Amino acid sequence: MAVVCLSGLGGSAVAAGQMADHLARRGYVVHLVSHGRPIRPAQPCPGLTFHPVDVPVLPSLAYPPYVMALASAIARVVREHAIDLVHVHYAVPNAFAAVTARLFLAPERRVPVVTTLQGTDVTHFGQEPAVFEALAWSLRRSDRVTAVSLDLKRRAERRFLLRDVALVPNFVDPAVTRRQPDPGLRRRLAPPDALVLVHASNFRPVKRVVDVIRVLAGVVAVRPAVLLMIGAGPDLAEARRAAEALGVREHVRFLGATADVSPYLSVADVFVLTSESEGCSLAVLEAMASEVPVVATNVGGLPETVEHGRTGFLHAVGDVQGMVESCLRLADPDLRRTFGDAARERVRASFSADVVLPQYERVYEEALTGA
């Protein structure tokens, strides 16, 4: 099978690379197609082959013809490797390219296309008149469409007039993503009495990272605290400026992008996410698997993942003061331990690879048989 995804630090790219790796380890022959190599899997795996998309630069064009190059790459991989199914993660532009590639292949062969919706491909691009028709066409011609949260499933069905979008969440492997305390790392990052907050994202505007800085400022006004900011993206500079303006720059550790966030989650006390929209946040799942309670916004798929009052606390978008108060509640080590244990158990029960991959396998079977 072929897995098509974006490259970079976005959750959909990480989720797709992680899924390709797990499928290969389960015995599938997987061909991963993307413009750049996803940050996961970090190491090559037998049964998994990466195919870069070569995009020509043409002086006569304002923008490189990436979608044409991607469609050509998908068709080439299908022909050369006898691919029997194409699974695309994030519909824009991957679903359009995959469905178009299938036109190249007809009538030689018809390869089923499964499209997984991750979030902003529906909530953002689904509202853009410039791409709506192409996006709707791609989804309606996919053999199966899945969404990573119930909220996203309902939005997609309503917006694109789809039927039977399958709910299949993102997943983590609890055997790999788990808390591994490192007292030395904790000492290097924070004073002994500090509450360690952590945020990980691609720093896009939808993540509202300045609100994360504001939450830190509110906590620091009451007790010692440090914030670990993991990732990179367009709003990184704005986050730095906010830390300076709020007088908390010395309390923030900007750690940059990393393929493995486990060491930092393992020394953190609370994961903070202030997004205005989310699908099924992989960063939240990784935090929960690492026994880190979550303080987040009550949007999208987050209430389907975080159990308010049991594995974390949920607040309205922009409710910085409410999030500050929740972080301060979780400064109690006993409450934090109780929430952390419950968070990991929730991941094991509903969001582990062993639970989610069989759901995808059923979708594949439906796409292949036309069920």
Protein backbone atom coordinates (compact mmCIF):
# COMPACT_ATOMS: atom_id res chain seq x y z
CA MET A 1 0.00 0.00 0.00
CA ALA A 2 0.99 3.65 -0.39
CA VAL A 3 0.68 6.24 2.38
CA VAL A 4 0.64 9.85 1.18
CA CYS A 5 1.22 12.70 3.62
CA LEU A 6 2.58 16.18 4.16
CA SER A 7 6.09 16.66 5.46
CA GLY A 8 7.11 18.87 8.37
CA LEU A 9 6.06 19.20 12.00
CA GLY A 10 2.28 19.11 11.66
CA GLY A 11 0.33 16.46 13.51
CA SER A 12 -0.99 14.88 10.30
CA ALA A 13 2.56 14.30 9.01
CA VAL A 14 3.69 12.80 12.32
CA ALA A 15 0.57 10.62 12.55
CA ALA A 16 0.97 9.37 8.97
CA GLY A 17 4.66 8.54 9.35
CA GLN A 18 3.97 6.79 12.63
CA MET A 19 1.13 4.79 11.08
CA ALA A 20 3.24 3.77 8.08
CA ASP A 21 5.91 2.50 10.48
CA HIS A 22 3.43 0.47 12.54
CA LEU A 23 1.79 -1.03 9.46
CA ALA A 24 5.19 -2.10 8.13
CA ARG A 25 5.97 -3.72 11.47
CA ARG A 26 2.67 -5.61 11.21
CA GLY A 27 3.80 -7.14 7.92
CA TYR A 28 2.44 -4.69 5.33
CA VAL A 29 4.64 -3.50 2.48
CA VAL A 30 4.31 0.28 2.77
CA HIS A 31 5.47 3.00 0.39
CA LEU A 32 5.49 6.47 1.97
CA VAL A 33 5.07 9.34 -0.53
CA SER A 34 5.76 12.93 0.52
CA HIS A 35 7.66 16.06 -0.51
CA GLY A 36 10.04 15.62 2.42
CA ARG A 37 10.72 12.76 4.78
CA PRO A 38 8.39 12.93 7.80
CA ILE A 39 10.10 13.27 11.18
CA ARG A 40 8.72 9.86 12.09
CA PRO A 41 9.71 7.13 11.87
CA ALA A 42 13.12 8.40 12.94
CA GLN A 43 14.82 5.17 11.81
CA PRO A 44 14.19 3.10 8.65
CA CYS A 45 12.02 0.03 9.10
CA PRO A 46 12.03 -3.12 6.93
CA GLY A 47 8.98 -3.10 4.71
CA LEU A 48 8.79 0.71 4.59
CA THR A 49 10.15 2.67 1.62
CA PHE A 50 10.17 6.46 1.29
CA HIS A 51 9.53 8.09 -2.11
CA PRO A 52 10.25 11.84 -2.31
CA VAL A 53 8.17 13.98 -4.63
CA ASP A 54 10.44 15.79 -7.06
CA VAL A 55 8.95 19.20 -7.81
CA PRO A 56 10.33 21.10 -10.82
CA VAL A 57 10.96 24.82 -10.56
CA LEU A 58 9.71 26.57 -13.69
CA PRO A 59 10.61 30.25 -14.16
CA SER A 60 7.35 30.87 -16.01
CA LEU A 61 5.23 29.77 -13.01
CA ALA A 62 4.75 31.81 -9.84
CA TYR A 63 4.40 28.62 -7.78
CA PRO A 64 5.96 25.15 -8.25
CA PRO A 65 3.47 22.61 -9.69
CA TYR A 66 3.45 20.46 -6.54
CA VAL A 67 0.01 18.88 -6.99
CA MET A 68 0.88 17.70 -10.51
CA ALA A 69 4.20 16.33 -9.29
CA LEU A 70 2.51 14.55 -6.37
CA ALA A 71 -0.15 12.98 -8.61
CA SER A 72 2.57 11.79 -10.98
CA ALA A 73 4.60 10.37 -8.09
CA ILE A 74 1.59 8.47 -6.72
CA ALA A 75 0.80 7.01 -10.16
CA ARG A 76 4.44 5.99 -10.65
CA VAL A 77 4.66 4.28 -7.25
CA VAL A 78 1.38 2.44 -7.88
CA ARG A 79 2.61 1.15 -11.25
CA GLU A 80 6.13 0.22 -10.20
CA HIS A 81 5.27 -1.46 -6.91
CA ALA A 82 1.89 -3.07 -7.61
CA ILE A 83 0.17 -0.95 -4.97
CA ASP A 84 -3.32 -2.20 -4.12
CA LEU A 85 -4.49 0.74 -1.94
CA VAL A 86 -3.57 4.41 -1.45
CA HIS A 87 -4.15 6.01 1.97
CA VAL A 88 -3.82 9.79 2.07
CA HIS A 89 -3.52 11.78 5.29
CA TYR A 90 -4.77 15.37 5.19
CA ALA A 91 -6.97 16.04 2.20
CA VAL A 92 -5.27 19.20 0.90
CA PRO A 93 -3.77 18.61 -1.61
CA ASN A 94 -3.21 14.89 -1.10
CA ALA A 95 -6.72 13.59 -1.78
CA PHE A 96 -6.98 15.61 -5.00
CA ALA A 97 -3.60 14.29 -6.17
CA ALA A 98 -4.47 10.68 -5.32
CA VAL A 99 -7.86 10.73 -7.05
CA THR A 100 -6.27 12.43 -10.06
CA ALA A 101 -3.49 9.83 -10.15
CA ARG A 102 -6.14 7.13 -10.32
CA LEU A 103 -7.39 8.74 -13.54
CA PHE A 104 -3.90 8.32 -15.01
CA LEU A 105 -4.02 4.61 -14.20
CA ALA A 106 -7.44 3.84 -15.70
CA PRO A 107 -8.37 1.57 -17.37
CA GLU A 108 -5.11 -0.26 -16.60
CA ARG A 109 -6.17 -0.69 -12.97
CA ARG A 110 -8.36 0.90 -10.34
CA VAL A 111 -6.69 1.50 -6.98
CA PRO A 112 -8.93 2.34 -4.00
CA VAL A 113 -8.22 5.64 -2.25
CA VAL A 114 -8.79 6.12 1.50
CA THR A 115 -8.67 9.73 2.73
CA THR A 116 -8.12 10.63 6.38
CA LEU A 117 -9.26 14.07 7.51
CA GLN A 118 -7.10 15.51 10.27
CA GLY A 119 -8.59 18.91 11.14
CA THR A 120 -7.83 22.14 9.31
CA ASP A 121 -8.29 20.40 5.97
CA VAL A 122 -11.99 20.64 6.92
CA THR A 123 -12.23 23.53 9.40
CA HIS A 124 -10.00 25.90 7.37
CA PHE A 125 -9.71 24.74 3.77
CA GLY A 126 -13.28 23.49 3.82
CA GLN A 127 -14.34 27.13 4.16
CA GLU A 128 -12.13 28.44 1.35
CA PRO A 129 -14.08 29.12 -1.86
CA ALA A 130 -10.86 28.94 -3.89
CA VAL A 131 -10.37 25.22 -3.16
CA PHE A 132 -13.78 24.02 -2.00
CA GLU A 133 -14.91 22.45 -5.29
CA ALA A 134 -11.65 20.54 -5.75
CA LEU A 135 -11.70 19.39 -2.14
CA ALA A 136 -15.33 18.25 -2.26
CA TRP A 137 -14.71 16.44 -5.57
CA SER A 138 -11.74 14.60 -4.08
CA LEU A 139 -13.60 13.48 -0.97
CA ARG A 140 -16.68 12.32 -2.84
CA ARG A 141 -14.50 10.21 -5.13
CA SER A 142 -12.46 8.66 -2.34
CA ASP A 143 -13.54 5.07 -1.72
CA ARG A 144 -13.59 5.64 2.03
CA VAL A 145 -13.18 8.80 4.10
CA THR A 146 -12.16 8.72 7.76
CA ALA A 147 -11.99 11.48 10.36
CA VAL A 148 -9.91 11.53 13.53
CA SER A 149 -12.71 12.83 15.77
CA LEU A 150 -16.49 12.69 15.96
CA ASP A 151 -16.62 16.48 15.75
CA LEU A 152 -14.60 16.42 12.52
CA LYS A 153 -16.69 13.58 11.09
CA ARG A 154 -19.89 15.56 11.61
CA ARG A 155 -18.38 18.75 10.16
CA ALA A 156 -17.13 16.92 7.07
CA GLU A 157 -20.42 15.14 6.44
CA ARG A 158 -22.33 18.39 6.75
CA ARG A 159 -19.94 20.59 4.78
CA PHE A 160 -19.21 18.20 1.90
CA LEU A 161 -22.50 16.28 1.87
CA LEU A 162 -20.68 13.03 2.62
CA ARG A 163 -22.16 9.83 3.99
CA ASP A 164 -20.60 7.26 6.28
CA VAL A 165 -17.37 9.03 7.18
CA ALA A 166 -15.65 6.57 9.50
CA LEU A 167 -14.42 7.72 12.90
CA VAL A 168 -10.85 6.46 13.43
CA PRO A 169 -8.75 8.46 15.90
CA ASN A 170 -5.02 9.08 15.94
CA PHE A 171 -2.97 6.80 18.14
CA VAL A 172 0.26 6.40 20.06
CA ASP A 173 2.20 3.32 21.10
CA PRO A 174 2.18 3.29 24.93
CA ALA A 175 5.09 0.87 24.92
CA VAL A 176 7.21 3.56 23.28
CA THR A 177 5.58 6.76 24.54
CA ARG A 178 5.75 6.52 28.30
CA ARG A 179 7.09 8.46 31.24
CA GLN A 180 10.81 7.91 31.76
CA PRO A 181 11.92 10.28 34.54
CA ASP A 182 15.23 12.04 34.01
CA PRO A 183 16.12 14.04 37.15
CA GLY A 184 19.21 15.47 35.48
CA LEU A 185 17.22 16.90 32.56
CA ARG A 186 14.62 18.30 34.94
CA ARG A 187 17.33 20.06 36.98
CA ARG A 188 18.80 21.59 33.81
CA LEU A 189 15.42 22.94 32.72
CA ALA A 190 13.79 24.10 35.95
CA PRO A 191 14.45 24.91 39.62
CA PRO A 192 13.45 22.15 42.08
CA ASP A 193 10.29 23.90 43.27
CA ALA A 194 9.00 24.95 39.83
CA LEU A 195 5.81 23.67 38.21
CA VAL A 196 6.89 22.56 34.73
CA LEU A 197 4.37 23.38 32.00
CA VAL A 198 4.89 22.10 28.44
CA HIS A 199 3.44 22.97 25.04
CA ALA A 200 4.23 21.28 21.72
CA SER A 201 2.89 22.35 18.33
CA ASN A 202 3.77 23.73 14.90
CA PHE A 203 3.20 27.30 16.18
CA ARG A 204 0.54 28.16 13.61
CA PRO A 205 -2.03 30.87 14.40
CA VAL A 206 -4.70 28.25 15.15
CA LYS A 207 -2.63 27.16 18.17
CA ARG A 208 -2.84 30.64 19.80
CA VAL A 209 0.61 30.22 21.35
CA VAL A 210 0.57 33.69 22.90
CA ASP A 211 -2.22 32.40 25.17
CA VAL A 212 0.19 29.71 26.37
CA ILE A 213 2.63 32.45 27.39
CA ARG A 214 -0.20 34.28 29.15
CA VAL A 215 -1.08 31.13 31.09
CA LEU A 216 2.54 30.89 32.22
CA ALA A 217 2.50 34.54 33.33
CA GLY A 218 -0.60 33.89 35.41
CA VAL A 219 0.95 30.86 37.08
CA VAL A 220 4.27 32.63 37.74
CA ALA A 221 2.38 35.43 39.52
CA VAL A 222 1.38 32.83 42.14
CA ARG A 223 4.22 30.30 42.29
CA PRO A 224 7.51 29.34 40.58
CA ALA A 225 6.99 27.83 37.13
CA VAL A 226 8.79 27.08 33.89
CA LEU A 227 7.31 26.60 30.42
CA LEU A 228 8.85 24.26 27.83
CA MET A 229 7.89 25.37 24.31
CA ILE A 230 8.56 22.56 21.82
CA GLY A 231 8.29 23.12 18.08
CA ALA A 232 8.70 25.81 15.45
CA GLY A 233 6.48 27.71 13.08
CA PRO A 234 5.20 31.11 11.97
CA ASP A 235 4.15 32.35 15.44
CA LEU A 236 7.38 31.45 17.23
CA ALA A 237 8.70 35.01 17.06
CA GLU A 238 5.39 36.33 18.40
CA ALA A 239 5.62 33.93 21.33
CA ARG A 240 9.12 35.19 22.11
CA ARG A 241 7.92 38.79 22.00
CA ALA A 242 5.00 37.98 24.29
CA ALA A 243 7.35 36.36 26.81
CA GLU A 244 9.48 39.52 26.85
CA ALA A 245 6.47 41.84 27.08
CA LEU A 246 4.92 39.88 29.96
CA GLY A 247 8.21 39.72 31.85
CA VAL A 248 8.45 35.90 31.84
CA ARG A 249 11.21 35.34 29.27
CA GLU A 250 13.51 33.81 31.89
CA HIS A 251 10.78 31.27 32.69
CA VAL A 252 10.42 30.01 29.10
CA ARG A 253 12.63 27.39 27.43
CA PHE A 254 12.24 27.55 23.65
CA LEU A 255 13.46 24.08 22.71
CA GLY A 256 12.85 24.08 18.95
CA ALA A 257 11.58 21.22 16.83
CA THR A 258 12.40 17.65 17.77
CA ALA A 259 11.29 14.26 16.49
CA ASP A 260 11.18 12.86 20.02
CA VAL A 261 9.29 14.86 22.64
CA SER A 262 9.28 12.02 25.17
CA PRO A 263 12.23 13.27 27.26
CA TYR A 264 10.51 16.63 27.81
CA LEU A 265 7.10 15.14 28.51
CA SER A 266 8.76 12.86 31.03
CA VAL A 267 9.90 15.81 33.14
CA ALA A 268 6.73 17.90 32.69
CA ASP A 269 3.86 18.40 35.14
CA VAL A 270 1.09 19.87 32.93
CA PHE A 271 0.55 19.98 29.16
CA VAL A 272 -1.06 23.24 27.96
CA LEU A 273 -2.89 23.58 24.64
CA THR A 274 -4.79 26.78 23.79
CA SER A 275 -5.93 26.01 20.23
CA GLU A 276 -9.04 27.46 18.66
CA SER A 277 -9.47 24.26 16.62
CA GLU A 278 -8.19 20.68 16.92
CA GLY A 279 -8.91 17.32 15.35
CA CYS A 280 -7.42 14.55 17.46
CA SER A 281 -4.28 16.12 18.88
CA LEU A 282 -1.35 13.74 18.72
CA ALA A 283 0.58 15.99 21.11
CA VAL A 284 -2.19 15.60 23.70
CA LEU A 285 -2.19 11.81 23.26
CA GLU A 286 1.57 11.70 23.75
CA ALA A 287 1.29 13.83 26.89
CA MET A 288 -1.44 11.59 28.30
CA ALA A 289 0.56 8.44 27.50
CA SER A 290 3.41 10.08 29.44
CA GLU A 291 1.15 10.56 32.49
CA VAL A 292 0.97 14.34 32.02
CA PRO A 293 -2.45 15.93 32.79
CA VAL A 294 -3.77 18.25 30.09
CA VAL A 295 -5.16 21.77 30.38
CA ALA A 296 -6.71 22.61 27.02
CA THR A 297 -9.49 24.35 25.15
CA ASN A 298 -12.88 22.71 24.84
CA VAL A 299 -12.89 22.57 21.03
CA GLY A 300 -13.03 20.03 18.21
CA GLY A 301 -11.92 16.57 19.23
CA LEU A 302 -10.29 17.61 22.51
CA PRO A 303 -13.33 16.77 24.70
CA GLU A 304 -13.35 13.35 23.01
CA THR A 305 -9.79 12.80 24.23
CA VAL A 306 -9.44 14.70 27.51
CA GLU A 307 -11.94 13.78 30.22
CA HIS A 308 -12.64 17.00 32.09
CA GLY A 309 -11.99 16.58 35.79
CA ARG A 310 -10.38 13.16 35.35
CA THR A 311 -7.44 13.38 32.91
CA GLY A 312 -7.28 17.16 32.65
CA PHE A 313 -9.31 20.35 32.48
CA LEU A 314 -11.06 21.96 29.49
CA HIS A 315 -11.84 25.65 29.06
CA ALA A 316 -13.35 28.00 26.52
CA VAL A 317 -11.01 29.43 23.89
CA GLY A 318 -9.30 32.49 25.37
CA ASP A 319 -10.13 31.64 28.99
CA VAL A 320 -6.57 32.22 30.14
CA GLN A 321 -7.52 32.81 33.78
CA GLY A 322 -9.45 29.56 33.94
CA MET A 323 -6.47 27.68 32.52
CA VAL A 324 -4.17 29.36 35.05
CA GLU A 325 -6.41 28.17 37.88
CA SER A 326 -6.43 24.62 36.49
CA CYS A 327 -2.62 24.58 36.24
CA LEU A 328 -2.41 25.76 39.83
CA ARG A 329 -4.78 22.99 40.93
CA LEU A 330 -2.48 20.48 39.26
CA ALA A 331 0.46 21.80 41.28
CA ASP A 332 -0.86 19.37 43.93
CA PRO A 333 1.33 16.29 43.31
CA ASP A 334 -1.30 13.82 44.49
CA LEU A 335 -3.97 15.22 42.17
CA ARG A 336 -1.46 15.37 39.34
CA ARG A 337 -0.50 11.73 39.87
CA THR A 338 -4.14 10.65 39.92
CA PHE A 339 -4.88 12.54 36.70
CA GLY A 340 -1.69 11.27 35.06
CA ASP A 341 -2.50 7.64 35.82
CA ALA A 342 -6.03 8.08 34.45
CA ALA A 343 -4.68 9.79 31.32
CA ARG A 344 -2.34 6.93 30.49
CA GLU A 345 -5.05 4.36 31.06
CA ARG A 346 -7.38 6.28 28.74
CA VAL A 347 -4.77 6.19 25.98
CA ARG A 348 -4.18 2.48 26.49
CA ALA A 349 -7.91 1.75 26.31
CA SER A 350 -8.93 3.94 23.36
CA PHE A 351 -5.97 5.50 21.54
CA SER A 352 -3.25 2.84 21.42
CA ALA A 353 -1.87 1.35 18.21
CA ASP A 354 -3.32 -2.06 19.09
CA VAL A 355 -6.80 -0.54 19.35
CA VAL A 356 -6.74 1.86 16.38
CA LEU A 357 -4.85 -0.03 13.65
CA PRO A 358 -7.49 -2.81 13.41
CA GLN A 359 -10.05 -0.05 12.80
CA TYR A 360 -8.01 1.14 9.81
CA GLU A 361 -7.67 -2.43 8.59
CA ARG A 362 -11.45 -2.74 8.51
CA VAL A 363 -11.64 0.49 6.48
CA TYR A 364 -9.05 -0.89 4.05
CA GLU A 365 -11.05 -4.09 3.63
CA GLU A 366 -14.21 -2.07 2.91
CA ALA A 367 -12.36 0.03 0.31
CA LEU A 368 -10.86 -3.03 -1.38
CA THR A 369 -14.11 -4.99 -1.53
CA GLY A 370 -16.40 -2.06 -2.21
CA ALA A 371 -18.42 -2.83 0.91
